[in-house]
């Protein structure tokens, strides 16, 4: 099963729940009620709070934002509440349909486009881009090509970007799970459906963005790493601007 078919299936299954949620930005899929479900919901709230903080710190509400890999529109709700105009792009047509309905219901200033997240080519480059829980869904061998496209085609000079993906800590359990993904994603029968690919840790991500982006800010909360990046001019090397990101 491809990532697109998985998320189309997911969107079809949970469409009614998402659209009926009091706050779609913190919606989590149904689970057995109890401590585990509450922990998942609390982690989502922490993640959204962290994303809001990074948006407030680094983005200009007067400029449009590209939400690349917008999914069903979770962060569209967040950014619309902050008065931002958003262009959302996702490969899943069903996610885009849900996002359009949320946009209509909340009177968002949003344009929703169904297109390839990895190959989307805008008419005009963006100065502000978010990729919330997107990067880990790109096959590792294609990540460098994706970052080159992002830097060279999508981002305006000195654009700011916010990346989030699951936090890989230094524990043996976390690293073992990630190492297992490195092998199992290449065997369809064993690959996980939602997160089949290895998730980059801090060192890996710094290497990936070298020469294209530099890190301006970093936080982790709710099991999620959040990076604010600045696009570099061609040929420059990545410089870590915030020592707290070490």
C-alpha atoms as a PDB file:
ATOM      1  CA  UNK A   1       0.000   0.000   0.000  1.00  0.00           C
ATOM      2  CA  UNK A   2       1.381   3.406  -0.979  1.00  0.00           C
ATOM      3  CA  UNK A   3       1.351   6.396   1.375  1.00  0.00           C
ATOM      4  CA  UNK A   4      -1.295   8.069  -0.821  1.00  0.00           C
ATOM      5  CA  UNK A   5      -3.623   5.065  -0.788  1.00  0.00           C
ATOM      6  CA  UNK A   6      -3.141   4.706   2.972  1.00  0.00           C
ATOM      7  CA  UNK A   7      -4.119   8.322   3.614  1.00  0.00           C
ATOM      8  CA  UNK A   8      -7.046   8.184   1.190  1.00  0.00           C
ATOM      9  CA  UNK A   9      -8.314   5.187   3.146  1.00  0.00           C
ATOM     10  CA  UNK A  10      -7.667   7.014   6.438  1.00  0.00           C
ATOM     11  CA  UNK A  11      -9.487  10.134   5.221  1.00  0.00           C
ATOM     12  CA  UNK A  12     -12.489   8.142   4.046  1.00  0.00           C
ATOM     13  CA  UNK A  13     -12.739   6.316   7.363  1.00  0.00           C
ATOM     14  CA  UNK A  14     -12.432   9.377   9.599  1.00  0.00           C
ATOM     15  CA  UNK A  15     -14.018  12.118   7.486  1.00  0.00           C
ATOM     16  CA  UNK A  16     -17.169  12.374   9.599  1.00  0.00           C
ATOM     17  CA  UNK A  17     -15.201  12.463  12.867  1.00  0.00           C
ATOM     18  CA  UNK A  18     -12.870  15.181  11.609  1.00  0.00           C
ATOM     19  CA  UNK A  19     -15.663  17.397  10.311  1.00  0.00           C
ATOM     20  CA  UNK A  20     -17.737  16.987  13.471  1.00  0.00           C
ATOM     21  CA  UNK A  21     -14.858  17.643  15.880  1.00  0.00           C
ATOM     22  CA  UNK A  22     -15.250  20.832  17.976  1.00  0.00           C
ATOM     23  CA  UNK A  23     -11.655  21.730  17.098  1.00  0.00           C
ATOM     24  CA  UNK A  24     -10.205  19.910  14.069  1.00  0.00           C
ATOM     25  CA  UNK A  25      -6.693  21.150  14.905  1.00  0.00           C
ATOM     26  CA  UNK A  26      -6.490  18.842  17.941  1.00  0.00           C
ATOM     27  CA  UNK A  27      -8.608  15.959  16.621  1.00  0.00           C
ATOM     28  CA  UNK A  28      -7.128  12.480  17.123  1.00  0.00           C
ATOM     29  CA  UNK A  29      -8.535   9.262  15.710  1.00  0.00           C
ATOM     30  CA  UNK A  30     -10.780   7.164  17.903  1.00  0.00           C
ATOM     31  CA  UNK A  31      -9.154   4.761  20.298  1.00  0.00           C
ATOM     32  CA  UNK A  32     -10.151   2.820  23.383  1.00  0.00           C
ATOM     33  CA  UNK A  33     -11.158   5.469  25.949  1.00  0.00           C
ATOM     34  CA  UNK A  34      -8.741   5.725  28.840  1.00  0.00           C
ATOM     35  CA  UNK A  35      -5.214   6.856  29.708  1.00  0.00           C
ATOM     36  CA  UNK A  36      -3.712   6.012  26.304  1.00  0.00           C
ATOM     37  CA  UNK A  37      -6.266   8.066  24.372  1.00  0.00           C
ATOM     38  CA  UNK A  38      -5.838  10.969  26.794  1.00  0.00           C
ATOM     39  CA  UNK A  39      -2.057  10.797  26.402  1.00  0.00           C
ATOM     40  CA  UNK A  40      -2.395  10.925  22.600  1.00  0.00           C
ATOM     41  CA  UNK A  41      -4.765  13.900  22.836  1.00  0.00           C
ATOM     42  CA  UNK A  42      -2.455  15.724  25.279  1.00  0.00           C
ATOM     43  CA  UNK A  43       0.527  15.144  22.969  1.00  0.00           C
ATOM     44  CA  UNK A  44      -1.444  16.596  20.041  1.00  0.00           C
ATOM     45  CA  UNK A  45      -2.340  19.678  22.087  1.00  0.00           C
ATOM     46  CA  UNK A  46       1.333  20.155  22.998  1.00  0.00           C
ATOM     47  CA  UNK A  47       2.333  19.771  19.346  1.00  0.00           C
ATOM     48  CA  UNK A  48      -0.196  22.348  18.138  1.00  0.00           C
ATOM     49  CA  UNK A  49       0.772  24.783  20.907  1.00  0.00           C
ATOM     50  CA  UNK A  50       4.428  24.450  19.870  1.00  0.00           C
ATOM     51  CA  UNK A  51       3.586  25.024  16.198  1.00  0.00           C
ATOM     52  CA  UNK A  52       1.560  28.137  17.047  1.00  0.00           C
ATOM     53  CA  UNK A  53       4.486  29.491  19.057  1.00  0.00           C
ATOM     54  CA  UNK A  54       6.923  28.972  16.183  1.00  0.00           C
ATOM     55  CA  UNK A  55       4.511  30.567  13.692  1.00  0.00           C
ATOM     56  CA  UNK A  56       4.076  33.606  15.944  1.00  0.00           C
ATOM     57  CA  UNK A  57       7.829  33.939  16.480  1.00  0.00           C
ATOM     58  CA  UNK A  58       8.966  33.687  12.897  1.00  0.00           C
ATOM     59  CA  UNK A  59       6.147  34.271  10.375  1.00  0.00           C
ATOM     60  CA  UNK A  60       4.575  37.490   9.122  1.00  0.00           C
ATOM     61  CA  UNK A  61       0.770  37.328   9.143  1.00  0.00           C
ATOM     62  CA  UNK A  62       0.689  39.720   6.169  1.00  0.00           C
ATOM     63  CA  UNK A  63       2.439  37.191   3.883  1.00  0.00           C
ATOM     64  CA  UNK A  64       0.870  34.017   2.432  1.00  0.00           C
ATOM     65  CA  UNK A  65       1.925  30.621   3.777  1.00  0.00           C
ATOM     66  CA  UNK A  66       2.364  27.424   1.793  1.00  0.00           C
ATOM     67  CA  UNK A  67       1.198  24.424   3.826  1.00  0.00           C
ATOM     68  CA  UNK A  68       2.902  21.645   1.898  1.00  0.00           C
ATOM     69  CA  UNK A  69       1.376  18.300   2.800  1.00  0.00           C
ATOM     70  CA  UNK A  70      -1.589  19.975   4.491  1.00  0.00           C
ATOM     71  CA  UNK A  71      -3.520  16.754   5.039  1.00  0.00           C
ATOM     72  CA  UNK A  72      -7.124  17.333   6.074  1.00  0.00           C
ATOM     73  CA  UNK A  73      -6.342  20.908   7.129  1.00  0.00           C
ATOM     74  CA  UNK A  74      -5.357  20.555  10.785  1.00  0.00           C
ATOM     75  CA  UNK A  75      -2.888  23.454  10.660  1.00  0.00           C
ATOM     76  CA  UNK A  76      -5.055  25.438   8.246  1.00  0.00           C
ATOM     77  CA  UNK A  77      -7.401  25.917  11.200  1.00  0.00           C
ATOM     78  CA  UNK A  78      -4.479  27.122  13.342  1.00  0.00           C
ATOM     79  CA  UNK A  79      -3.111  29.577  10.785  1.00  0.00           C
ATOM     80  CA  UNK A  80      -6.542  30.884   9.781  1.00  0.00           C
ATOM     81  CA  UNK A  81      -7.147  31.713  13.448  1.00  0.00           C
ATOM     82  CA  UNK A  82      -3.935  33.757  13.328  1.00  0.00           C
ATOM     83  CA  UNK A  83      -5.275  35.736  10.357  1.00  0.00           C
ATOM     84  CA  UNK A  84      -3.023  34.168   7.715  1.00  0.00           C
ATOM     85  CA  UNK A  85      -3.759  33.403   4.087  1.00  0.00           C
ATOM     86  CA  UNK A  86      -2.802  29.804   3.349  1.00  0.00           C
ATOM     87  CA  UNK A  87      -2.236  27.747   0.217  1.00  0.00           C
ATOM     88  CA  UNK A  88      -2.617  24.085   1.152  1.00  0.00           C
ATOM     89  CA  UNK A  89      -1.259  21.278  -1.031  1.00  0.00           C
ATOM     90  CA  UNK A  90      -1.717  17.561  -0.505  1.00  0.00           C
ATOM     91  CA  UNK A  91      -1.415  14.444  -2.644  1.00  0.00           C
ATOM     92  CA  UNK A  92      -4.599  12.938  -1.180  1.00  0.00           C
ATOM     93  CA  UNK A  93      -7.691  14.170  -2.998  1.00  0.00           C
ATOM     94  CA  UNK A  94      -9.903  13.080  -0.105  1.00  0.00           C
ATOM     95  CA  UNK A  95      -7.841  15.045   2.416  1.00  0.00           C
ATOM     96  CA  UNK A  96      -8.173  18.083   0.152  1.00  0.00           C
ATOM     97  CA  UNK A  97     -11.951  17.628   0.007  1.00  0.00           C
ATOM     98  CA  UNK A  98     -12.097  17.586   3.823  1.00  0.00           C
ATOM     99  CA  UNK A  99      -9.819  20.634   4.012  1.00  0.00           C
ATOM    100  CA  UNK A 100     -12.078  22.518   1.590  1.00  0.00           C
ATOM    101  CA  UNK A 101     -15.089  21.748   3.768  1.00  0.00           C
ATOM    102  CA  UNK A 102     -13.250  22.926   6.902  1.00  0.00           C
ATOM    103  CA  UNK A 103     -12.182  26.058   5.022  1.00  0.00           C
ATOM    104  CA  UNK A 104     -15.774  26.760   4.039  1.00  0.00           C
ATOM    105  CA  UNK A 105     -17.122  26.179   7.548  1.00  0.00           C
ATOM    106  CA  UNK A 106     -14.496  28.389   9.193  1.00  0.00           C
ATOM    107  CA  UNK A 107     -14.487  31.060   6.460  1.00  0.00           C
ATOM    108  CA  UNK A 108     -10.734  30.598   5.979  1.00  0.00           C
ATOM    109  CA  UNK A 109      -8.675  32.575   3.516  1.00  0.00           C
ATOM    110  CA  UNK A 110      -7.309  29.427   1.909  1.00  0.00           C
ATOM    111  CA  UNK A 111      -6.639  27.888  -1.481  1.00  0.00           C
ATOM    112  CA  UNK A 112      -6.553  24.075  -1.540  1.00  0.00           C
ATOM    113  CA  UNK A 113      -4.720  22.167  -4.258  1.00  0.00           C
ATOM    114  CA  UNK A 114      -4.444  18.430  -4.892  1.00  0.00           C
ATOM    115  CA  UNK A 115      -0.952  17.864  -6.260  1.00  0.00           C
ATOM    116  CA  UNK A 116       2.210  15.901  -5.569  1.00  0.00           C
ATOM    117  CA  UNK A 117       3.865  17.145  -2.387  1.00  0.00           C
ATOM    118  CA  UNK A 118       7.265  16.233  -3.805  1.00  0.00           C
ATOM    119  CA  UNK A 119       6.788  17.838  -7.226  1.00  0.00           C
ATOM    120  CA  UNK A 120       4.459  20.788  -6.613  1.00  0.00           C
ATOM    121  CA  UNK A 121       5.595  23.787  -8.677  1.00  0.00           C
ATOM    122  CA  UNK A 122       3.929  27.085  -7.705  1.00  0.00           C
ATOM    123  CA  UNK A 123       3.472  29.987 -10.105  1.00  0.00           C
ATOM    124  CA  UNK A 124       5.206  32.218  -7.550  1.00  0.00           C
ATOM    125  CA  UNK A 125       7.707  31.286  -4.879  1.00  0.00           C
ATOM    126  CA  UNK A 126       6.776  31.437  -1.209  1.00  0.00           C
ATOM    127  CA  UNK A 127       8.532  33.295   1.598  1.00  0.00           C
ATOM    128  CA  UNK A 128       6.818  31.189   4.261  1.00  0.00           C
ATOM    129  CA  UNK A 129       6.403  27.403   4.082  1.00  0.00           C
ATOM    130  CA  UNK A 130       5.286  24.815   6.620  1.00  0.00           C
ATOM    131  CA  UNK A 131       5.783  21.060   6.418  1.00  0.00           C
ATOM    132  CA  UNK A 132       4.066  19.612   9.452  1.00  0.00           C
ATOM    133  CA  UNK A 133       4.718  15.868   9.778  1.00  0.00           C
ATOM    134  CA  UNK A 134       5.575  15.510   6.094  1.00  0.00           C
ATOM    135  CA  UNK A 135       9.313  14.909   5.778  1.00  0.00           C
ATOM    136  CA  UNK A 136       9.277  11.476   7.470  1.00  0.00           C
ATOM    137  CA  UNK A 137       6.762  10.263   4.854  1.00  0.00           C
ATOM    138  CA  UNK A 138       9.218  10.824   2.001  1.00  0.00           C
ATOM    139  CA  UNK A 139      11.325   7.820   1.063  1.00  0.00           C
ATOM    140  CA  UNK A 140      14.896   8.401   2.300  1.00  0.00           C
ATOM    141  CA  UNK A 141      16.504   8.052  -1.123  1.00  0.00           C
ATOM    142  CA  UNK A 142      14.229  10.855  -2.440  1.00  0.00           C
ATOM    143  CA  UNK A 143      14.710  13.321   0.430  1.00  0.00           C
ATOM    144  CA  UNK A 144      17.715  15.117  -1.066  1.00  0.00           C
ATOM    145  CA  UNK A 145      15.883  15.588  -4.369  1.00  0.00           C
ATOM    146  CA  UNK A 146      12.840  16.862  -2.492  1.00  0.00           C
ATOM    147  CA  UNK A 147      14.930  19.368  -0.504  1.00  0.00           C
ATOM    148  CA  UNK A 148      16.576  20.569  -3.721  1.00  0.00           C
ATOM    149  CA  UNK A 149      13.144  21.112  -5.284  1.00  0.00           C
ATOM    150  CA  UNK A 150      11.922  22.871  -2.156  1.00  0.00           C
ATOM    151  CA  UNK A 151      14.948  25.162  -2.107  1.00  0.00           C
ATOM    152  CA  UNK A 152      15.252  25.817  -5.806  1.00  0.00           C
ATOM    153  CA  UNK A 153      11.635  25.884  -7.012  1.00  0.00           C
ATOM    154  CA  UNK A 154       9.297  26.579  -4.094  1.00  0.00           C
ATOM    155  CA  UNK A 155      11.166  28.889  -1.722  1.00  0.00           C
ATOM    156  CA  UNK A 156      11.817  32.566  -2.332  1.00  0.00           C
ATOM    157  CA  UNK A 157      15.274  33.887  -1.369  1.00  0.00           C
ATOM    158  CA  UNK A 158      15.680  33.834   2.418  1.00  0.00           C
ATOM    159  CA  UNK A 159      12.328  32.106   2.869  1.00  0.00           C
ATOM    160  CA  UNK A 160      11.460  30.777   6.305  1.00  0.00           C
ATOM    161  CA  UNK A 161      10.201  27.230   6.765  1.00  0.00           C
ATOM    162  CA  UNK A 162       8.842  25.233   9.679  1.00  0.00           C
ATOM    163  CA  UNK A 163       9.442  21.482   9.667  1.00  0.00           C
ATOM    164  CA  UNK A 164       8.018  19.063  12.216  1.00  0.00           C
ATOM    165  CA  UNK A 165       8.400  15.311  12.489  1.00  0.00           C
ATOM    166  CA  UNK A 166       8.425  12.733  15.318  1.00  0.00           C
ATOM    167  CA  UNK A 167      11.223  13.176  17.835  1.00  0.00           C
ATOM    168  CA  UNK A 168      13.855  10.425  17.830  1.00  0.00           C
ATOM    169  CA  UNK A 169      15.445  10.413  21.263  1.00  0.00           C
ATOM    170  CA  UNK A 170      18.651   8.719  22.347  1.00  0.00           C
ATOM    171  CA  UNK A 171      16.954   5.779  24.019  1.00  0.00           C
ATOM    172  CA  UNK A 172      17.744   2.265  22.860  1.00  0.00           C
ATOM    173  CA  UNK A 173      14.051   1.566  22.188  1.00  0.00           C
ATOM    174  CA  UNK A 174      13.607   4.665  20.002  1.00  0.00           C
ATOM    175  CA  UNK A 175      16.743   3.997  17.984  1.00  0.00           C
ATOM    176  CA  UNK A 176      15.953   0.302  17.584  1.00  0.00           C
ATOM    177  CA  UNK A 177      12.476   1.080  16.202  1.00  0.00           C
ATOM    178  CA  UNK A 178      13.962   3.550  13.767  1.00  0.00           C
ATOM    179  CA  UNK A 179      16.666   1.129  12.680  1.00  0.00           C
ATOM    180  CA  UNK A 180      14.012  -1.522  12.050  1.00  0.00           C
ATOM    181  CA  UNK A 181      12.194   0.872   9.709  1.00  0.00           C
ATOM    182  CA  UNK A 182      15.387   1.163   7.645  1.00  0.00           C
ATOM    183  CA  UNK A 183      14.993  -2.491   6.731  1.00  0.00           C
ATOM    184  CA  UNK A 184      11.275  -3.217   6.853  1.00  0.00           C
ATOM    185  CA  UNK A 185      10.127  -0.402   4.546  1.00  0.00           C
ATOM    186  CA  UNK A 186      11.926  -2.152   1.696  1.00  0.00           C
ATOM    187  CA  UNK A 187       9.838  -5.299   2.282  1.00  0.00           C
ATOM    188  CA  UNK A 188       6.146  -4.509   1.594  1.00  0.00           C
ATOM    189  CA  UNK A 189       4.882  -7.364   3.745  1.00  0.00           C
ATOM    190  CA  UNK A 190       6.643  -5.928   6.819  1.00  0.00           C
ATOM    191  CA  UNK A 191       6.438  -2.176   6.198  1.00  0.00           C
ATOM    192  CA  UNK A 192       4.351  -0.102   8.595  1.00  0.00           C
ATOM    193  CA  UNK A 193       1.433   1.649   6.942  1.00  0.00           C
ATOM    194  CA  UNK A 194       1.587   5.050   8.649  1.00  0.00           C
ATOM    195  CA  UNK A 195       5.307   5.596   9.263  1.00  0.00           C
ATOM    196  CA  UNK A 196       7.120   3.098   7.031  1.00  0.00           C
ATOM    197  CA  UNK A 197      10.369   5.061   6.641  1.00  0.00           C
ATOM    198  CA  UNK A 198      13.139   5.813   9.146  1.00  0.00           C
ATOM    199  CA  UNK A 199      12.639   9.167  10.877  1.00  0.00           C
ATOM    200  CA  UNK A 200      15.658  11.510  10.806  1.00  0.00           C
ATOM    201  CA  UNK A 201      17.283  12.351  14.119  1.00  0.00           C
ATOM    202  CA  UNK A 202      18.816  15.778  14.706  1.00  0.00           C
ATOM    203  CA  UNK A 203      22.216  14.892  13.232  1.00  0.00           C
ATOM    204  CA  UNK A 204      20.691  13.284  10.135  1.00  0.00           C
ATOM    205  CA  UNK A 205      18.402  16.242   9.513  1.00  0.00           C
ATOM    206  CA  UNK A 206      21.271  18.731   9.802  1.00  0.00           C
ATOM    207  CA  UNK A 207      23.186  16.736   7.206  1.00  0.00           C
ATOM    208  CA  UNK A 208      20.152  16.561   4.920  1.00  0.00           C
ATOM    209  CA  UNK A 209      19.653  20.347   4.832  1.00  0.00           C
ATOM    210  CA  UNK A 210      23.338  21.272   4.486  1.00  0.00           C
ATOM    211  CA  UNK A 211      23.927  23.815   1.711  1.00  0.00           C
ATOM    212  CA  UNK A 212      20.228  24.630   1.310  1.00  0.00           C
ATOM    213  CA  UNK A 213      18.878  25.746   4.687  1.00  0.00           C
ATOM    214  CA  UNK A 214      20.133  26.833   8.098  1.00  0.00           C
ATOM    215  CA  UNK A 215      18.445  26.279  11.444  1.00  0.00           C
ATOM    216  CA  UNK A 216      17.045  29.392  13.095  1.00  0.00           C
ATOM    217  CA  UNK A 217      15.129  27.841  15.978  1.00  0.00           C
ATOM    218  CA  UNK A 218      14.272  24.471  17.475  1.00  0.00           C
ATOM    219  CA  UNK A 219      11.803  23.068  20.010  1.00  0.00           C
ATOM    220  CA  UNK A 220      10.500  19.615  20.834  1.00  0.00           C
ATOM    221  CA  UNK A 221       7.252  18.880  22.610  1.00  0.00           C
ATOM    222  CA  UNK A 222       4.558  16.229  22.555  1.00  0.00           C
ATOM    223  CA  UNK A 223       6.951  13.750  20.979  1.00  0.00           C
ATOM    224  CA  UNK A 224       7.582  16.084  18.025  1.00  0.00           C
ATOM    225  CA  UNK A 225      10.671  17.958  16.819  1.00  0.00           C
ATOM    226  CA  UNK A 226      10.038  21.418  15.376  1.00  0.00           C
ATOM    227  CA  UNK A 227      12.647  23.248  13.287  1.00  0.00           C
ATOM    228  CA  UNK A 228      12.509  26.752  11.864  1.00  0.00           C
ATOM    229  CA  UNK A 229      14.779  27.031   8.812  1.00  0.00           C
ATOM    230  CA  UNK A 230      15.968  29.848   6.588  1.00  0.00           C
ATOM    231  CA  UNK A 231      16.702  29.245   2.911  1.00  0.00           C
ATOM    232  CA  UNK A 232      20.320  29.875   1.961  1.00  0.00           C
ATOM    233  CA  UNK A 233      21.646  31.451  -1.199  1.00  0.00           C
ATOM    234  CA  UNK A 234      23.082  28.850  -3.566  1.00  0.00           C
ATOM    235  CA  UNK A 235      26.509  27.590  -2.610  1.00  0.00           C
ATOM    236  CA  UNK A 236      26.395  28.678   1.011  1.00  0.00           C
ATOM    237  CA  UNK A 237      26.834  26.153   3.785  1.00  0.00           C
ATOM    238  CA  UNK A 238      24.394  25.453   6.590  1.00  0.00           C
ATOM    239  CA  UNK A 239      25.163  27.338   9.783  1.00  0.00           C
ATOM    240  CA  UNK A 240      23.445  26.538  13.044  1.00  0.00           C
ATOM    241  CA  UNK A 241      22.114  29.870  14.225  1.00  0.00           C
ATOM    242  CA  UNK A 242      20.621  28.711  17.506  1.00  0.00           C
ATOM    243  CA  UNK A 243      22.901  26.806  19.850  1.00  0.00           C
ATOM    244  CA  UNK A 244      19.859  25.408  21.647  1.00  0.00           C
ATOM    245  CA  UNK A 245      19.296  23.189  18.637  1.00  0.00           C
ATOM    246  CA  UNK A 246      22.367  21.161  19.512  1.00  0.00           C
END
